[in-house]
C-alpha atoms as a PDB file:
ATOM      1  CA  MET A   1      47.950  44.260  29.142  1.00  0.00           C
ATOM      2  CA  ASN A   2      50.074  43.806  25.859  1.00  0.00           C
ATOM      3  CA  ASP A   3      53.516  42.227  26.894  1.00  0.00           C
ATOM      4  CA  ARG A   4      55.026  43.612  23.684  1.00  0.00           C
ATOM      5  CA  LEU A   5      54.475  47.295  24.442  1.00  0.00           C
ATOM      6  CA  PHE A   6      56.999  48.884  26.536  1.00  0.00           C
ATOM      7  CA  VAL A   7      56.851  52.296  27.793  1.00  0.00           C
ATOM      8  CA  VAL A   8      59.655  54.911  28.881  1.00  0.00           C
ATOM      9  CA  THR A   9      58.566  57.687  30.878  1.00  0.00           C
ATOM     10  CA  GLY A  10      60.040  60.399  32.983  1.00  0.00           C
ATOM     11  CA  GLY A  11      60.217  64.293  33.024  1.00  0.00           C
ATOM     12  CA  PRO A  12      61.494  66.268  30.122  1.00  0.00           C
ATOM     13  CA  GLY A  13      65.028  66.495  29.240  1.00  0.00           C
ATOM     14  CA  SER A  14      65.901  62.868  30.845  1.00  0.00           C
ATOM     15  CA  GLY A  15      66.924  61.162  27.641  1.00  0.00           C
ATOM     16  CA  LYS A  16      64.003  59.380  26.734  1.00  0.00           C
ATOM     17  CA  THR A  17      63.598  60.675  23.010  1.00  0.00           C
ATOM     18  CA  THR A  18      67.546  60.068  22.649  1.00  0.00           C
ATOM     19  CA  LEU A  19      67.182  56.371  24.062  1.00  0.00           C
ATOM     20  CA  LEU A  20      64.365  55.679  21.609  1.00  0.00           C
ATOM     21  CA  SER A  21      66.280  56.962  18.585  1.00  0.00           C
ATOM     22  CA  ALA A  22      69.274  54.766  19.497  1.00  0.00           C
ATOM     23  CA  LEU A  23      66.790  51.756  20.098  1.00  0.00           C
ATOM     24  CA  ALA A  24      65.234  52.515  16.519  1.00  0.00           C
ATOM     25  CA  ARG A  25      68.738  52.493  15.036  1.00  0.00           C
ATOM     26  CA  ARG A  26      69.117  48.887  16.643  1.00  0.00           C
ATOM     27  CA  GLY A  27      66.103  47.724  14.873  1.00  0.00           C
ATOM     28  CA  LEU A  28      63.301  48.002  17.396  1.00  0.00           C
ATOM     29  CA  ALA A  29      60.003  49.658  16.729  1.00  0.00           C
ATOM     30  CA  THR A  30      59.304  52.653  18.483  1.00  0.00           C
ATOM     31  CA  MET A  31      56.399  55.155  18.901  1.00  0.00           C
ATOM     32  CA  PRO A  32      57.304  58.765  19.267  1.00  0.00           C
ATOM     33  CA  GLU A  33      56.310  61.294  22.018  1.00  0.00           C
ATOM     34  CA  ALA A  34      52.882  62.986  21.516  1.00  0.00           C
ATOM     35  CA  GLY A  35      53.694  66.347  22.986  1.00  0.00           C
ATOM     36  CA  ARG A  36      56.559  67.516  21.001  1.00  0.00           C
ATOM     37  CA  ALA A  37      54.957  66.712  17.805  1.00  0.00           C
ATOM     38  CA  ILE A  38      51.692  68.305  19.051  1.00  0.00           C
ATOM     39  CA  ILE A  39      53.571  71.566  20.165  1.00  0.00           C
ATOM     40  CA  GLN A  40      55.129  71.754  16.602  1.00  0.00           C
ATOM     41  CA  ASP A  41      51.978  71.378  14.660  1.00  0.00           C
ATOM     42  CA  GLN A  42      49.838  73.558  16.978  1.00  0.00           C
ATOM     43  CA  THR A  43      52.558  76.338  16.744  1.00  0.00           C
ATOM     44  CA  ARG A  44      52.714  75.838  12.820  1.00  0.00           C
ATOM     45  CA  ILE A  45      48.869  76.400  12.726  1.00  0.00           C
ATOM     46  CA  GLY A  46      48.410  79.009  15.224  1.00  0.00           C
ATOM     47  CA  GLY A  47      46.406  76.602  17.373  1.00  0.00           C
ATOM     48  CA  THR A  48      46.020  76.852  21.087  1.00  0.00           C
ATOM     49  CA  GLY A  49      46.374  73.181  22.047  1.00  0.00           C
ATOM     50  CA  TRP A  50      49.815  73.160  23.687  1.00  0.00           C
ATOM     51  CA  HIS A  51      51.178  73.310  27.230  1.00  0.00           C
ATOM     52  CA  GLY A  52      51.760  77.143  27.023  1.00  0.00           C
ATOM     53  CA  GLN A  53      48.083  77.926  25.990  1.00  0.00           C
ATOM     54  CA  ASP A  54      45.263  75.494  26.472  1.00  0.00           C
ATOM     55  CA  ARG A  55      46.408  72.551  28.731  1.00  0.00           C
ATOM     56  CA  GLN A  56      43.130  70.924  28.444  1.00  0.00           C
ATOM     57  CA  LEU A  57      43.194  70.677  24.947  1.00  0.00           C
ATOM     58  CA  PHE A  58      46.802  69.830  24.872  1.00  0.00           C
ATOM     59  CA  ALA A  59      45.862  66.927  26.971  1.00  0.00           C
ATOM     60  CA  GLU A  60      43.042  65.573  24.689  1.00  0.00           C
ATOM     61  CA  LEU A  61      45.266  65.820  21.851  1.00  0.00           C
ATOM     62  CA  MET A  62      48.104  63.785  23.426  1.00  0.00           C
ATOM     63  CA  LEU A  63      45.417  61.365  24.647  1.00  0.00           C
ATOM     64  CA  GLY A  64      44.311  60.794  20.929  1.00  0.00           C
ATOM     65  CA  TRP A  65      47.785  60.463  19.771  1.00  0.00           C
ATOM     66  CA  GLU A  66      48.811  57.949  22.363  1.00  0.00           C
ATOM     67  CA  MET A  67      45.577  55.695  21.716  1.00  0.00           C
ATOM     68  CA  ARG A  68      46.339  55.793  18.087  1.00  0.00           C
ATOM     69  CA  SER A  69      49.857  54.797  18.880  1.00  0.00           C
ATOM     70  CA  TRP A  70      48.570  51.924  20.911  1.00  0.00           C
ATOM     71  CA  HIS A  71      46.422  50.706  18.112  1.00  0.00           C
ATOM     72  CA  GLU A  72      49.163  51.109  15.500  1.00  0.00           C
ATOM     73  CA  ALA A  73      51.590  49.009  17.814  1.00  0.00           C
ATOM     74  CA  GLN A  74      49.187  46.172  17.492  1.00  0.00           C
ATOM     75  CA  ARG A  75      50.205  45.523  14.080  1.00  0.00           C
ATOM     76  CA  ALA A  76      53.860  45.169  14.893  1.00  0.00           C
ATOM     77  CA  GLY A  77      55.372  41.606  15.143  1.00  0.00           C
ATOM     78  CA  GLY A  78      57.817  42.272  18.279  1.00  0.00           C
ATOM     79  CA  PRO A  79      58.334  44.671  20.889  1.00  0.00           C
ATOM     80  CA  VAL A  80      57.513  48.268  20.525  1.00  0.00           C
ATOM     81  CA  ILE A  81      58.971  50.921  22.654  1.00  0.00           C
ATOM     82  CA  PHE A  82      56.771  54.092  23.570  1.00  0.00           C
ATOM     83  CA  ASP A  83      58.229  57.450  24.209  1.00  0.00           C
ATOM     84  CA  ARG A  84      55.421  58.156  26.736  1.00  0.00           C
ATOM     85  CA  GLY A  85      52.249  56.362  27.216  1.00  0.00           C
ATOM     86  CA  ILE A  86      48.526  57.161  28.112  1.00  0.00           C
ATOM     87  CA  PRO A  87      49.191  57.263  31.927  1.00  0.00           C
ATOM     88  CA  ASP A  88      51.579  60.200  31.054  1.00  0.00           C
ATOM     89  CA  VAL A  89      48.527  62.112  30.183  1.00  0.00           C
ATOM     90  CA  VAL A  90      46.928  61.309  33.468  1.00  0.00           C
ATOM     91  CA  GLY A  91      50.151  62.544  35.078  1.00  0.00           C
ATOM     92  CA  TYR A  92      50.163  65.661  32.997  1.00  0.00           C
ATOM     93  CA  LEU A  93      46.643  66.555  33.990  1.00  0.00           C
ATOM     94  CA  GLN A  94      47.048  65.804  37.733  1.00  0.00           C
ATOM     95  CA  LEU A  95      50.347  67.906  37.721  1.00  0.00           C
ATOM     96  CA  TYR A  96      48.760  70.862  36.084  1.00  0.00           C
ATOM     97  CA  GLU A  97      45.187  70.619  36.618  1.00  0.00           C
ATOM     98  CA  GLY A  98      44.865  68.891  39.638  1.00  0.00           C
ATOM     99  CA  LYS A  99      43.094  65.742  38.677  1.00  0.00           C
ATOM    100  CA  ALA A 100      42.554  63.876  35.464  1.00  0.00           C
ATOM    101  CA  PRO A 101      38.928  63.542  33.927  1.00  0.00           C
ATOM    102  CA  ALA A 102      37.196  60.076  34.281  1.00  0.00           C
ATOM    103  CA  HIS A 103      37.472  59.372  30.475  1.00  0.00           C
ATOM    104  CA  VAL A 104      41.385  59.754  30.534  1.00  0.00           C
ATOM    105  CA  ARG A 105      41.648  57.535  33.574  1.00  0.00           C
ATOM    106  CA  ALA A 106      39.561  55.020  31.782  1.00  0.00           C
ATOM    107  CA  ALA A 107      41.808  55.228  28.752  1.00  0.00           C
ATOM    108  CA  ALA A 108      44.807  54.556  31.050  1.00  0.00           C
ATOM    109  CA  GLU A 109      42.979  51.451  32.566  1.00  0.00           C
ATOM    110  CA  LEU A 110      41.837  50.083  29.187  1.00  0.00           C
ATOM    111  CA  PHE A 111      44.917  50.578  26.844  1.00  0.00           C
ATOM    112  CA  ARG A 112      47.621  48.560  28.759  1.00  0.00           C
ATOM    113  CA  TYR A 113      51.279  48.247  28.323  1.00  0.00           C
ATOM    114  CA  ARG A 114      53.947  45.839  29.638  1.00  0.00           C
ATOM    115  CA  PRO A 115      53.750  45.820  33.694  1.00  0.00           C
ATOM    116  CA  THR A 116      57.360  47.180  34.002  1.00  0.00           C
ATOM    117  CA  VAL A 117      57.698  50.721  32.826  1.00  0.00           C
ATOM    118  CA  PHE A 118      61.283  52.265  32.232  1.00  0.00           C
ATOM    119  CA  LEU A 119      61.544  55.559  34.009  1.00  0.00           C
ATOM    120  CA  ALA A 120      64.146  58.175  32.733  1.00  0.00           C
ATOM    121  CA  PRO A 121      65.113  59.888  36.237  1.00  0.00           C
ATOM    122  CA  PRO A 122      65.744  63.676  36.329  1.00  0.00           C
ATOM    123  CA  TRP A 123      69.419  64.031  35.173  1.00  0.00           C
ATOM    124  CA  PRO A 124      70.715  67.670  35.375  1.00  0.00           C
ATOM    125  CA  GLU A 125      73.864  66.837  33.447  1.00  0.00           C
ATOM    126  CA  ILE A 126      71.850  66.175  30.349  1.00  0.00           C
ATOM    127  CA  PHE A 127      68.625  68.549  30.920  1.00  0.00           C
ATOM    128  CA  GLY A 128      68.221  71.218  28.334  1.00  0.00           C
ATOM    129  CA  GLN A 129      65.604  73.470  26.910  1.00  0.00           C
ATOM    130  CA  ASP A 130      64.687  74.115  23.332  1.00  0.00           C
ATOM    131  CA  ALA A 131      61.755  75.469  21.374  1.00  0.00           C
ATOM    132  CA  GLN A 132      59.175  72.780  22.411  1.00  0.00           C
ATOM    133  CA  ARG A 133      60.698  72.110  26.019  1.00  0.00           C
ATOM    134  CA  GLY A 134      60.281  75.341  27.984  1.00  0.00           C
ATOM    135  CA  GLN A 135      60.091  73.776  31.463  1.00  0.00           C
ATOM    136  CA  ASP A 136      62.942  74.436  33.919  1.00  0.00           C
ATOM    137  CA  PHE A 137      64.738  71.502  35.748  1.00  0.00           C
ATOM    138  CA  HIS A 138      62.577  72.117  38.743  1.00  0.00           C
ATOM    139  CA  GLU A 139      59.471  71.514  36.714  1.00  0.00           C
ATOM    140  CA  ALA A 140      61.167  68.582  35.054  1.00  0.00           C
ATOM    141  CA  VAL A 141      61.562  66.928  38.431  1.00  0.00           C
ATOM    142  CA  ALA A 142      57.991  67.691  39.342  1.00  0.00           C
ATOM    143  CA  THR A 143      56.823  66.018  35.907  1.00  0.00           C
ATOM    144  CA  ALA A 144      58.931  62.957  36.557  1.00  0.00           C
ATOM    145  CA  GLU A 145      57.316  62.587  40.083  1.00  0.00           C
ATOM    146  CA  ALA A 146      53.817  63.169  38.666  1.00  0.00           C
ATOM    147  CA  MET A 147      54.534  60.326  35.886  1.00  0.00           C
ATOM    148  CA  GLU A 148      55.885  57.828  38.635  1.00  0.00           C
ATOM    149  CA  GLN A 149      52.694  58.565  40.464  1.00  0.00           C
ATOM    150  CA  ALA A 150      50.383  58.115  37.734  1.00  0.00           C
ATOM    151  CA  TYR A 151      51.927  54.619  36.516  1.00  0.00           C
ATOM    152  CA  ALA A 152      51.970  53.408  40.069  1.00  0.00           C
ATOM    153  CA  MET A 153      48.453  54.262  40.545  1.00  0.00           C
ATOM    154  CA  ALA A 154      47.573  52.543  37.255  1.00  0.00           C
ATOM    155  CA  GLY A 155      49.338  49.265  38.537  1.00  0.00           C
ATOM    156  CA  TYR A 156      52.668  49.645  36.711  1.00  0.00           C
ATOM    157  CA  ASP A 157      56.253  48.866  38.208  1.00  0.00           C
ATOM    158  CA  LEU A 158      58.796  51.424  37.513  1.00  0.00           C
ATOM    159  CA  LEU A 159      62.287  50.372  36.534  1.00  0.00           C
ATOM    160  CA  PRO A 160      64.720  53.438  36.722  1.00  0.00           C
ATOM    161  CA  LEU A 161      67.109  53.719  33.761  1.00  0.00           C
ATOM    162  CA  PRO A 162      70.804  53.974  34.746  1.00  0.00           C
ATOM    163  CA  LEU A 163      72.437  57.515  34.536  1.00  0.00           C
ATOM    164  CA  THR A 164      74.989  56.502  31.994  1.00  0.00           C
ATOM    165  CA  THR A 165      75.791  56.725  28.461  1.00  0.00           C
ATOM    166  CA  VAL A 166      73.181  56.238  25.747  1.00  0.00           C
ATOM    167  CA  GLU A 167      74.883  53.065  24.623  1.00  0.00           C
ATOM    168  CA  ALA A 168      74.731  51.686  28.015  1.00  0.00           C
ATOM    169  CA  ARG A 169      71.058  52.485  28.524  1.00  0.00           C
ATOM    170  CA  VAL A 170      70.309  50.738  25.300  1.00  0.00           C
ATOM    171  CA  ASP A 171      72.111  47.690  26.542  1.00  0.00           C
ATOM    172  CA  PHE A 172      70.057  47.894  29.714  1.00  0.00           C
ATOM    173  CA  VAL A 173      66.803  48.134  27.931  1.00  0.00           C
ATOM    174  CA  LEU A 174      67.702  45.229  25.687  1.00  0.00           C
ATOM    175  CA  GLU A 175      68.676  43.118  28.467  1.00  0.00           C
ATOM    176  CA  VAL A 176      65.385  43.503  29.909  1.00  0.00           C
ATOM    177  CA  LEU A 177      63.605  43.042  26.890  1.00  0.00           C
ATOM    178  CA  GLY A 178      65.531  39.905  26.330  1.00  0.00           C
ATOM    179  CA  ARG A 179      64.237  38.603  29.558  1.00  0.00           C
ATOM    180  CA  SER A 180      60.588  39.781  28.853  1.00  0.00           C
ATOM    181  CA  VAL A 181      59.857  38.971  25.178  1.00  0.00           C
END
C-alpha cells in the first residue's frame, strides 16, 4: 500500500478527467488515464489494441501503462491522484471478457494505492460521448459497477464523489487528502 497514491475511478463520462485537470491546476501531481491515450495512439498507428478491436491487447496495454504510472508516482514527493488504477483493468476484463487473468489480478494485489478510492458515480447530466468514448450511458453505468466490484474485491473502500460542480468536487477531494496525508 502506498498512502500517497489516490485513485479516482468510475464509468466513462463521470467527470474523472475534468476533476484531475482541476486538481492539477491546484498544484497536485496527477497521472492521466491510460485508455484514452492508448485509443488515440492505436488509432493513429492503425493498431488493434483498443476497446473496439482487440480488448485483450487493450487491457494489456492499459496494465503496462498503469504499472509504469505507479512506478513514476513513487518519485513524487506528495500525494498523486490517478485517473484510474490497476484494479480498473481487472474491472474492464471482468465486464467484457468475464474474468481477468491471474497476472492482472496479481498486479492489482502487488501495486497498491491508498485504501480509500474516489468513485465518480454515473451522472447523466454530464455524460457525453466523443471519438474515444463510444460507450452509451447504459454501458457507462455497467462500467462503474464493474469498477466498484473490482476495487471492493481488491480490498479498497469506495468514497463516492458528490454530484456537484467541479470546484466543489475539488474541495471535497482536497478535504479528504488533508485528513489523509
